[in-house]
PDB file of N, CA and C in Angstrom:
ATOM      1  N   UNK A   1     107.756 100.272 111.585  1.00  0.00           N
ATOM      2  CA  UNK A   1     107.034 101.516 111.764  1.00  0.00           C
ATOM      3  C   UNK A   1     105.918 101.634 110.721  1.00  0.00           C
ATOM      4  N   UNK A   2     106.208 101.348 109.450  1.00  0.00           N
ATOM      5  CA  UNK A   2     105.196 101.483 108.417  1.00  0.00           C
ATOM      6  C   UNK A   2     104.100 100.443 108.555  1.00  0.00           C
ATOM      7  N   UNK A   3     104.439  99.267 109.039  1.00  0.00           N
ATOM      8  CA  UNK A   3     103.449  98.207 109.223  1.00  0.00           C
ATOM      9  C   UNK A   3     102.390  98.621 110.226  1.00  0.00           C
ATOM     10  N   UNK A   4     102.774  99.359 111.248  1.00  0.00           N
ATOM     11  CA  UNK A   4     101.834  99.792 112.278  1.00  0.00           C
ATOM     12  C   UNK A   4     100.729 100.644 111.657  1.00  0.00           C
ATOM     13  N   UNK A   5     101.079 101.492 110.719  1.00  0.00           N
ATOM     14  CA  UNK A   5     100.102 102.349 110.051  1.00  0.00           C
ATOM     15  C   UNK A   5      99.025 101.515 109.372  1.00  0.00           C
ATOM     16  N   UNK A   6      99.469 100.527 108.614  1.00  0.00           N
ATOM     17  CA  UNK A   6      98.533  99.703 107.858  1.00  0.00           C
ATOM     18  C   UNK A   6      97.712  98.801 108.777  1.00  0.00           C
ATOM     19  N   UNK A   7      98.340  98.254 109.808  1.00  0.00           N
ATOM     20  CA  UNK A   7      97.612  97.404 110.750  1.00  0.00           C
ATOM     21  C   UNK A   7      96.592  98.205 111.553  1.00  0.00           C
ATOM     22  N   UNK A   8      96.958  99.405 111.966  1.00  0.00           N
ATOM     23  CA  UNK A   8      96.018 100.251 112.701  1.00  0.00           C
ATOM     24  C   UNK A   8      94.787 100.527 111.844  1.00  0.00           C
ATOM     25  N   UNK A   9      95.000 100.806 110.558  1.00  0.00           N
ATOM     26  CA  UNK A   9      93.874 101.034 109.657  1.00  0.00           C
ATOM     27  C   UNK A   9      93.033  99.769 109.521  1.00  0.00           C
ATOM     28  N   UNK A  10      93.689  98.642 109.321  1.00  0.00           N
ATOM     29  CA  UNK A  10      92.994  97.360 109.139  1.00  0.00           C
ATOM     30  C   UNK A  10      92.079  97.039 110.311  1.00  0.00           C
ATOM     31  N   UNK A  11      92.537  97.358 111.522  1.00  0.00           N
ATOM     32  CA  UNK A  11      91.755  97.023 112.709  1.00  0.00           C
ATOM     33  C   UNK A  11      90.875  98.170 113.192  1.00  0.00           C
ATOM     34  N   UNK A  12      90.700  99.185 112.362  1.00  0.00           N
ATOM     35  CA  UNK A  12      89.760 100.250 112.675  1.00  0.00           C
ATOM     36  C   UNK A  12      90.257 101.273 113.676  1.00  0.00           C
ATOM     37  N   UNK A  13      91.551 101.309 113.918  1.00  0.00           N
ATOM     38  CA  UNK A  13      92.129 102.288 114.837  1.00  0.00           C
ATOM     39  C   UNK A  13      92.566 103.496 114.003  1.00  0.00           C
ATOM     40  N   UNK A  14      91.589 104.214 113.489  1.00  0.00           N
ATOM     41  CA  UNK A  14      91.848 105.232 112.482  1.00  0.00           C
ATOM     42  C   UNK A  14      92.683 106.402 112.989  1.00  0.00           C
ATOM     43  N   UNK A  15      92.436 106.873 114.197  1.00  0.00           N
ATOM     44  CA  UNK A  15      93.249 107.972 114.732  1.00  0.00           C
ATOM     45  C   UNK A  15      94.709 107.532 114.859  1.00  0.00           C
ATOM     46  N   UNK A  16      94.921 106.301 115.306  1.00  0.00           N
ATOM     47  CA  UNK A  16      96.285 105.763 115.404  1.00  0.00           C
ATOM     48  C   UNK A  16      96.918 105.639 114.017  1.00  0.00           C
ATOM     49  N   UNK A  17      96.125 105.221 113.047  1.00  0.00           N
ATOM     50  CA  UNK A  17      96.634 105.064 111.681  1.00  0.00           C
ATOM     51  C   UNK A  17      97.097 106.408 111.132  1.00  0.00           C
ATOM     52  N   UNK A  18      96.306 107.456 111.345  1.00  0.00           N
ATOM     53  CA  UNK A  18      96.686 108.782 110.868  1.00  0.00           C
ATOM     54  C   UNK A  18      97.992 109.225 111.528  1.00  0.00           C
ATOM     55  N   UNK A  19      98.067 109.059 112.842  1.00  0.00           N
ATOM     56  CA  UNK A  19      99.268 109.461 113.588  1.00  0.00           C
ATOM     57  C   UNK A  19     100.500 108.695 113.113  1.00  0.00           C
ATOM     58  N   UNK A  20     100.372 107.387 112.945  1.00  0.00           N
ATOM     59  CA  UNK A  20     101.500 106.565 112.514  1.00  0.00           C
ATOM     60  C   UNK A  20     101.906 106.858 111.075  1.00  0.00           C
ATOM     61  N   UNK A  21     100.934 107.137 110.221  1.00  0.00           N
ATOM     62  CA  UNK A  21     101.259 107.505 108.835  1.00  0.00           C
ATOM     63  C   UNK A  21     102.055 108.799 108.814  1.00  0.00           C
ATOM     64  N   UNK A  22     101.601 109.784 109.572  1.00  0.00           N
ATOM     65  CA  UNK A  22     102.308 111.069 109.604  1.00  0.00           C
ATOM     66  C   UNK A  22     103.717 110.905 110.168  1.00  0.00           C
ATOM     67  N   UNK A  23     103.845 110.087 111.193  1.00  0.00           N
ATOM     68  CA  UNK A  23     105.166 109.837 111.781  1.00  0.00           C
ATOM     69  C   UNK A  23     106.080 109.150 110.768  1.00  0.00           C
ATOM     70  N   UNK A  24     105.559 108.143 110.087  1.00  0.00           N
ATOM     71  CA  UNK A  24     106.367 107.405 109.107  1.00  0.00           C
ATOM     72  C   UNK A  24     106.758 108.297 107.936  1.00  0.00           C
ATOM     73  N   UNK A  25     105.827 109.108 107.439  1.00  0.00           N
ATOM     74  CA  UNK A  25     106.118 109.999 106.318  1.00  0.00           C
ATOM     75  C   UNK A  25     107.232 110.973 106.681  1.00  0.00           C
ATOM     76  N   UNK A  26     107.189 111.495 107.897  1.00  0.00           N
ATOM     77  CA  UNK A  26     108.203 112.476 108.307  1.00  0.00           C
ATOM     78  C   UNK A  26     109.592 111.858 108.426  1.00  0.00           C
ATOM     79  N   UNK A  27     109.673 110.548 108.577  1.00  0.00           N
ATOM     80  CA  UNK A  27     110.966 109.876 108.751  1.00  0.00           C
ATOM     81  C   UNK A  27     111.505 109.222 107.484  1.00  0.00           C
ATOM     82  N   UNK A  28     110.732 109.242 106.416  1.00  0.00           N
ATOM     83  CA  UNK A  28     111.181 108.595 105.178  1.00  0.00           C
ATOM     84  C   UNK A  28     112.289 109.393 104.518  1.00  0.00           C
ATOM     85  N   UNK A  29     113.345 108.718 104.102  1.00  0.00           N
ATOM     86  CA  UNK A  29     114.417 109.417 103.384  1.00  0.00           C
ATOM     87  C   UNK A  29     113.978 109.698 101.950  1.00  0.00           C
ATOM     88  N   UNK A  30     114.646 110.605 101.306  1.00  0.00           N
ATOM     89  CA  UNK A  30     114.361 110.928  99.906  1.00  0.00           C
ATOM     90  C   UNK A  30     115.267 110.074  99.018  1.00  0.00           C
ATOM     91  N   UNK A  31     114.816 108.863  98.710  1.00  0.00           N
ATOM     92  CA  UNK A  31     115.558 107.980  97.814  1.00  0.00           C
ATOM     93  C   UNK A  31     114.614 107.450  96.740  1.00  0.00           C
ATOM     94  N   UNK A  32     115.187 107.010  95.636  1.00  0.00           N
ATOM     95  CA  UNK A  32     114.390 106.510  94.518  1.00  0.00           C
ATOM     96  C   UNK A  32     113.516 105.339  94.974  1.00  0.00           C
ATOM     97  N   UNK A  33     112.257 105.389  94.589  1.00  0.00           N
ATOM     98  CA  UNK A  33     111.335 104.307  94.888  1.00  0.00           C
ATOM     99  C   UNK A  33     110.580 104.479  96.183  1.00  0.00           C
ATOM    100  N   UNK A  34     111.069 105.307  97.077  1.00  0.00           N
ATOM    101  CA  UNK A  34     110.411 105.486  98.374  1.00  0.00           C
ATOM    102  C   UNK A  34     109.164 106.357  98.232  1.00  0.00           C
ATOM    103  N   UNK A  35     109.066 107.087  97.124  1.00  0.00           N
ATOM    104  CA  UNK A  35     107.902 107.936  96.884  1.00  0.00           C
ATOM    105  C   UNK A  35     106.613 107.144  96.841  1.00  0.00           C
ATOM    106  N   UNK A  36     106.664 105.920  96.328  1.00  0.00           N
ATOM    107  CA  UNK A  36     105.454 105.095  96.265  1.00  0.00           C
ATOM    108  C   UNK A  36     105.002 104.691  97.673  1.00  0.00           C
ATOM    109  N   UNK A  37     105.938 104.453  98.575  1.00  0.00           N
ATOM    110  CA  UNK A  37     105.586 104.149  99.966  1.00  0.00           C
ATOM    111  C   UNK A  37     104.978 105.383 100.624  1.00  0.00           C
ATOM    112  N   UNK A  38     105.569 106.535 100.359  1.00  0.00           N
ATOM    113  CA  UNK A  38     105.040 107.790 100.910  1.00  0.00           C
ATOM    114  C   UNK A  38     103.617 108.018 100.400  1.00  0.00           C
ATOM    115  N   UNK A  39     103.390 107.781  99.121  1.00  0.00           N
ATOM    116  CA  UNK A  39     102.058 107.938  98.542  1.00  0.00           C
ATOM    117  C   UNK A  39     101.078 106.970  99.188  1.00  0.00           C
ATOM    118  N   UNK A  40     101.492 105.724  99.389  1.00  0.00           N
ATOM    119  CA  UNK A  40     100.624 104.734 100.034  1.00  0.00           C
ATOM    120  C   UNK A  40     100.248 105.187 101.441  1.00  0.00           C
ATOM    121  N   UNK A  41     101.219 105.696 102.180  1.00  0.00           N
ATOM    122  CA  UNK A  41     100.938 106.185 103.535  1.00  0.00           C
ATOM    123  C   UNK A  41      99.997 107.387 103.508  1.00  0.00           C
ATOM    124  N   UNK A  42     100.152 108.251 102.520  1.00  0.00           N
ATOM    125  CA  UNK A  42      99.263 109.404 102.400  1.00  0.00           C
ATOM    126  C   UNK A  42      97.840 108.963 102.066  1.00  0.00           C
ATOM    127  N   UNK A  43      97.692 107.944 101.228  1.00  0.00           N
ATOM    128  CA  UNK A  43      96.371 107.412 100.881  1.00  0.00           C
ATOM    129  C   UNK A  43      95.720 106.790 102.114  1.00  0.00           C
ATOM    130  N   UNK A  44      96.473 105.989 102.851  1.00  0.00           N
ATOM    131  CA  UNK A  44      95.940 105.367 104.078  1.00  0.00           C
ATOM    132  C   UNK A  44      95.541 106.446 105.078  1.00  0.00           C
ATOM    133  N   UNK A  45      96.379 107.456 105.237  1.00  0.00           N
ATOM    134  CA  UNK A  45      96.087 108.541 106.173  1.00  0.00           C
ATOM    135  C   UNK A  45      94.805 109.272 105.794  1.00  0.00           C
ATOM    136  N   UNK A  46      94.647 109.598 104.516  1.00  0.00           N
ATOM    137  CA  UNK A  46      93.441 110.305 104.055  1.00  0.00           C
ATOM    138  C   UNK A  46      92.194 109.465 104.291  1.00  0.00           C
ATOM    139  N   UNK A  47      92.270 108.168 103.989  1.00  0.00           N
ATOM    140  CA  UNK A  47      91.117 107.289 104.200  1.00  0.00           C
ATOM    141  C   UNK A  47      90.819 107.098 105.683  1.00  0.00           C
ATOM    142  N   UNK A  48      91.858 106.982 106.503  1.00  0.00           N
ATOM    143  CA  UNK A  48      91.660 106.836 107.946  1.00  0.00           C
ATOM    144  C   UNK A  48      91.032 108.100 108.528  1.00  0.00           C
ATOM    145  N   UNK A  49      91.489 109.253 108.067  1.00  0.00           N
ATOM    146  CA  UNK A  49      90.938 110.533 108.541  1.00  0.00           C
ATOM    147  C   UNK A  49      89.451 110.614 108.192  1.00  0.00           C
ATOM    148  N   UNK A  50      89.094 110.220 106.963  1.00  0.00           N
ATOM    149  CA  UNK A  50      87.679 110.220 106.562  1.00  0.00           C
ATOM    150  C   UNK A  50      86.857 109.289 107.442  1.00  0.00           C
ATOM    151  N   UNK A  51      87.350 108.102 107.669  1.00  0.00           N
ATOM    152  CA  UNK A  51      86.601 107.127 108.476  1.00  0.00           C
ATOM    153  C   UNK A  51      86.502 107.554 109.932  1.00  0.00           C
ATOM    154  N   UNK A  52      87.555 108.178 110.447  1.00  0.00           N
ATOM    155  CA  UNK A  52      87.533 108.687 111.818  1.00  0.00           C
ATOM    156  C   UNK A  52      86.456 109.759 111.963  1.00  0.00           C
ATOM    157  N   UNK A  53      86.220 110.510 110.894  1.00  0.00           N
ATOM    158  CA  UNK A  53      85.208 111.573 110.897  1.00  0.00           C
ATOM    159  C   UNK A  53      83.877 111.102 110.334  1.00  0.00           C
ATOM    160  N   UNK A  54      83.708 109.792 110.214  1.00  0.00           N
ATOM    161  CA  UNK A  54      82.474 109.172 109.717  1.00  0.00           C
ATOM    162  C   UNK A  54      82.076 109.676 108.334  1.00  0.00           C
ATOM    163  N   UNK A  55      83.061 109.877 107.488  1.00  0.00           N
ATOM    164  CA  UNK A  55      82.804 110.304 106.122  1.00  0.00           C
ATOM    165  C   UNK A  55      83.188 109.164 105.177  1.00  0.00           C
ATOM    166  N   UNK A  56      82.366 108.990 104.171  1.00  0.00           N
ATOM    167  CA  UNK A  56      82.689 107.998 103.150  1.00  0.00           C
ATOM    168  C   UNK A  56      82.904 108.762 101.855  1.00  0.00           C
ATOM    169  N   UNK A  57      84.147 108.832 101.449  1.00  0.00           N
ATOM    170  CA  UNK A  57      84.463 109.524 100.200  1.00  0.00           C
ATOM    171  C   UNK A  57      85.658 108.846  99.549  1.00  0.00           C
ATOM    172  N   UNK A  58      85.709 108.974  98.254  1.00  0.00           N
ATOM    173  CA  UNK A  58      86.866 108.478  97.524  1.00  0.00           C
ATOM    174  C   UNK A  58      87.751 109.680  97.252  1.00  0.00           C
ATOM    175  N   UNK A  59      88.649 109.957  98.174  1.00  0.00           N
ATOM    176  CA  UNK A  59      89.535 111.108  98.051  1.00  0.00           C
ATOM    177  C   UNK A  59      90.563 110.810  96.972  1.00  0.00           C
ATOM    178  N   UNK A  60      90.399 111.449  95.828  1.00  0.00           N
ATOM    179  CA  UNK A  60      91.283 111.188  94.694  1.00  0.00           C
ATOM    180  C   UNK A  60      92.383 112.233  94.584  1.00  0.00           C
ATOM    181  N   UNK A  61      92.584 113.025  95.636  1.00  0.00           N
ATOM    182  CA  UNK A  61      93.620 114.058  95.581  1.00  0.00           C
ATOM    183  C   UNK A  61      95.017 113.455  95.698  1.00  0.00           C
ATOM    184  N   UNK A  62      95.115 112.261  96.284  1.00  0.00           N
ATOM    185  CA  UNK A  62      96.401 111.573  96.400  1.00  0.00           C
ATOM    186  C   UNK A  62      96.291 110.259  95.638  1.00  0.00           C
ATOM    187  N   UNK A  63      97.113 110.121  94.611  1.00  0.00           N
ATOM    188  CA  UNK A  63      97.089 108.905  93.794  1.00  0.00           C
ATOM    189  C   UNK A  63      98.522 108.516  93.441  1.00  0.00           C
ATOM    190  N   UNK A  64      98.714 107.271  93.068  1.00  0.00           N
ATOM    191  CA  UNK A  64     100.016 106.823  92.602  1.00  0.00           C
ATOM    192  C   UNK A  64     100.282 107.436  91.230  1.00  0.00           C
ATOM    193  N   UNK A  65     101.512 107.829  91.003  1.00  0.00           N
ATOM    194  CA  UNK A  65     101.900 108.409  89.718  1.00  0.00           C
ATOM    195  C   UNK A  65     102.429 107.303  88.803  1.00  0.00           C
ATOM    196  N   UNK A  66     102.670 107.659  87.568  1.00  0.00           N
ATOM    197  CA  UNK A  66     103.249 106.698  86.620  1.00  0.00           C
ATOM    198  C   UNK A  66     104.629 106.236  87.088  1.00  0.00           C
ATOM    199  N   UNK A  67     105.354 107.102  87.792  1.00  0.00           N
ATOM    200  CA  UNK A  67     106.681 106.737  88.304  1.00  0.00           C
ATOM    201  C   UNK A  67     106.601 105.683  89.407  1.00  0.00           C
ATOM    202  N   UNK A  68     105.437 105.588  90.068  1.00  0.00           N
ATOM    203  CA  UNK A  68     105.258 104.618  91.144  1.00  0.00           C
ATOM    204  C   UNK A  68     104.951 103.211  90.628  1.00  0.00           C
ATOM    205  N   UNK A  69     104.482 103.102  89.404  1.00  0.00           N
ATOM    206  CA  UNK A  69     104.006 101.825  88.856  1.00  0.00           C
ATOM    207  C   UNK A  69     104.988 100.669  89.041  1.00  0.00           C
ATOM    208  N   UNK A  70     106.281 100.829  88.780  1.00  0.00           N
ATOM    209  CA  UNK A  70     107.189  99.685  88.954  1.00  0.00           C
ATOM    210  C   UNK A  70     107.275  99.178  90.398  1.00  0.00           C
ATOM    211  N   UNK A  71     106.861  99.983  91.350  1.00  0.00           N
ATOM    212  CA  UNK A  71     106.972  99.610  92.757  1.00  0.00           C
ATOM    213  C   UNK A  71     105.668  99.070  93.346  1.00  0.00           C
ATOM    214  N   UNK A  72     104.603  99.025  92.561  1.00  0.00           N
ATOM    215  CA  UNK A  72     103.320  98.541  93.050  1.00  0.00           C
ATOM    216  C   UNK A  72     103.244  97.025  92.951  1.00  0.00           C
ATOM    217  N   UNK A  73     102.678  96.410  93.969  1.00  0.00           N
ATOM    218  CA  UNK A  73     102.568  94.951  93.991  1.00  0.00           C
ATOM    219  C   UNK A  73     101.509  94.460  93.014  1.00  0.00           C
ATOM    220  N   UNK A  74     100.425  95.204  92.875  1.00  0.00           N
ATOM    221  CA  UNK A  74      99.326  94.812  91.997  1.00  0.00           C
ATOM    222  C   UNK A  74      99.075  95.957  91.028  1.00  0.00           C
ATOM    223  N   UNK A  75      99.030  95.625  89.764  1.00  0.00           N
ATOM    224  CA  UNK A  75      98.789  96.644  88.742  1.00  0.00           C
ATOM    225  C   UNK A  75      97.529  96.283  87.968  1.00  0.00           C
ATOM    226  N   UNK A  76      96.521  97.117  88.077  1.00  0.00           N
ATOM    227  CA  UNK A  76      95.275  96.918  87.339  1.00  0.00           C
ATOM    228  C   UNK A  76      95.272  97.911  86.183  1.00  0.00           C
ATOM    229  N   UNK A  77      95.110  97.431  84.958  1.00  0.00           N
ATOM    230  CA  UNK A  77      95.093  98.351  83.817  1.00  0.00           C
ATOM    231  C   UNK A  77      93.963  99.373  83.965  1.00  0.00           C
ATOM    232  N   UNK A  78      94.212 100.627  83.655  1.00  0.00           N
ATOM    233  CA  UNK A  78      93.200 101.678  83.827  1.00  0.00           C
ATOM    234  C   UNK A  78      91.881 101.387  83.126  1.00  0.00           C
ATOM    235  N   UNK A  79      91.936 100.730  81.980  1.00  0.00           N
ATOM    236  CA  UNK A  79      90.699 100.439  81.244  1.00  0.00           C
ATOM    237  C   UNK A  79      89.822  99.401  81.940  1.00  0.00           C
ATOM    238  N   UNK A  80      90.358  98.718  82.946  1.00  0.00           N
ATOM    239  CA  UNK A  80      89.584  97.716  83.682  1.00  0.00           C
ATOM    240  C   UNK A  80      89.042  98.240  85.007  1.00  0.00           C
ATOM    241  N   UNK A  81      89.248  99.511  85.289  1.00  0.00           N
ATOM    242  CA  UNK A  81      88.800 100.089  86.551  1.00  0.00           C
ATOM    243  C   UNK A  81      87.573 100.956  86.313  1.00  0.00           C
ATOM    244  N   UNK A  82      86.446 100.568  86.908  1.00  0.00           N
ATOM    245  CA  UNK A  82      85.228 101.363  86.812  1.00  0.00           C
ATOM    246  C   UNK A  82      85.220 102.491  87.831  1.00  0.00           C
ATOM    247  N   UNK A  83      85.671 102.199  89.042  1.00  0.00           N
ATOM    248  CA  UNK A  83      85.643 103.178  90.127  1.00  0.00           C
ATOM    249  C   UNK A  83      87.062 103.390  90.644  1.00  0.00           C
ATOM    250  N   UNK A  84      87.736 104.470  90.228  1.00  0.00           N
ATOM    251  CA  UNK A  84      89.131 104.709  90.642  1.00  0.00           C
ATOM    252  C   UNK A  84      89.316 104.828  92.159  1.00  0.00           C
ATOM    253  N   UNK A  85      88.286 105.261  92.864  1.00  0.00           N
ATOM    254  CA  UNK A  85      88.387 105.405  94.314  1.00  0.00           C
ATOM    255  C   UNK A  85      88.511 104.091  95.046  1.00  0.00           C
ATOM    256  N   UNK A  86      87.938 103.039  94.493  1.00  0.00           N
ATOM    257  CA  UNK A  86      87.983 101.726  95.133  1.00  0.00           C
ATOM    258  C   UNK A  86      88.732 100.686  94.319  1.00  0.00           C
ATOM    259  N   UNK A  87      89.128 101.057  93.100  1.00  0.00           N
ATOM    260  CA  UNK A  87      89.809 100.151  92.167  1.00  0.00           C
ATOM    261  C   UNK A  87      88.971  98.925  91.815  1.00  0.00           C
ATOM    262  N   UNK A  88      87.649  99.084  91.850  1.00  0.00           N
ATOM    263  CA  UNK A  88      86.779  97.962  91.485  1.00  0.00           C
ATOM    264  C   UNK A  88      86.858  97.729  89.979  1.00  0.00           C
ATOM    265  N   UNK A  89      87.175  96.467  89.598  1.00  0.00           N
ATOM    266  CA  UNK A  89      87.278  96.162  88.161  1.00  0.00           C
ATOM    267  C   UNK A  89      85.899  96.044  87.514  1.00  0.00           C
ATOM    268  N   UNK A  90      85.907  96.039  86.193  1.00  0.00           N
ATOM    269  CA  UNK A  90      84.649  95.884  85.435  1.00  0.00           C
ATOM    270  C   UNK A  90      84.151  94.471  85.532  1.00  0.00           C
TER     271      UNK A  90
END
């Protein structure tokens, strides 16, 4: 179910990505570590919604918290990030 959200976004099916993200978020249990997946789905949903509406913005209202860090596959030190919206390194 969660893979569909990310694949829909990857292939430009933004309305589908938003719908699948919302569906997946509503079905996630409240267990330790799952918050980072929920945050990822919320980030994908926000970006898909922007792209569906032809808007280009770095919506920083949803971000990973310090508690999510152990669950992230890639960790870029904050001092190496010039643009937090895109995570572009220096």
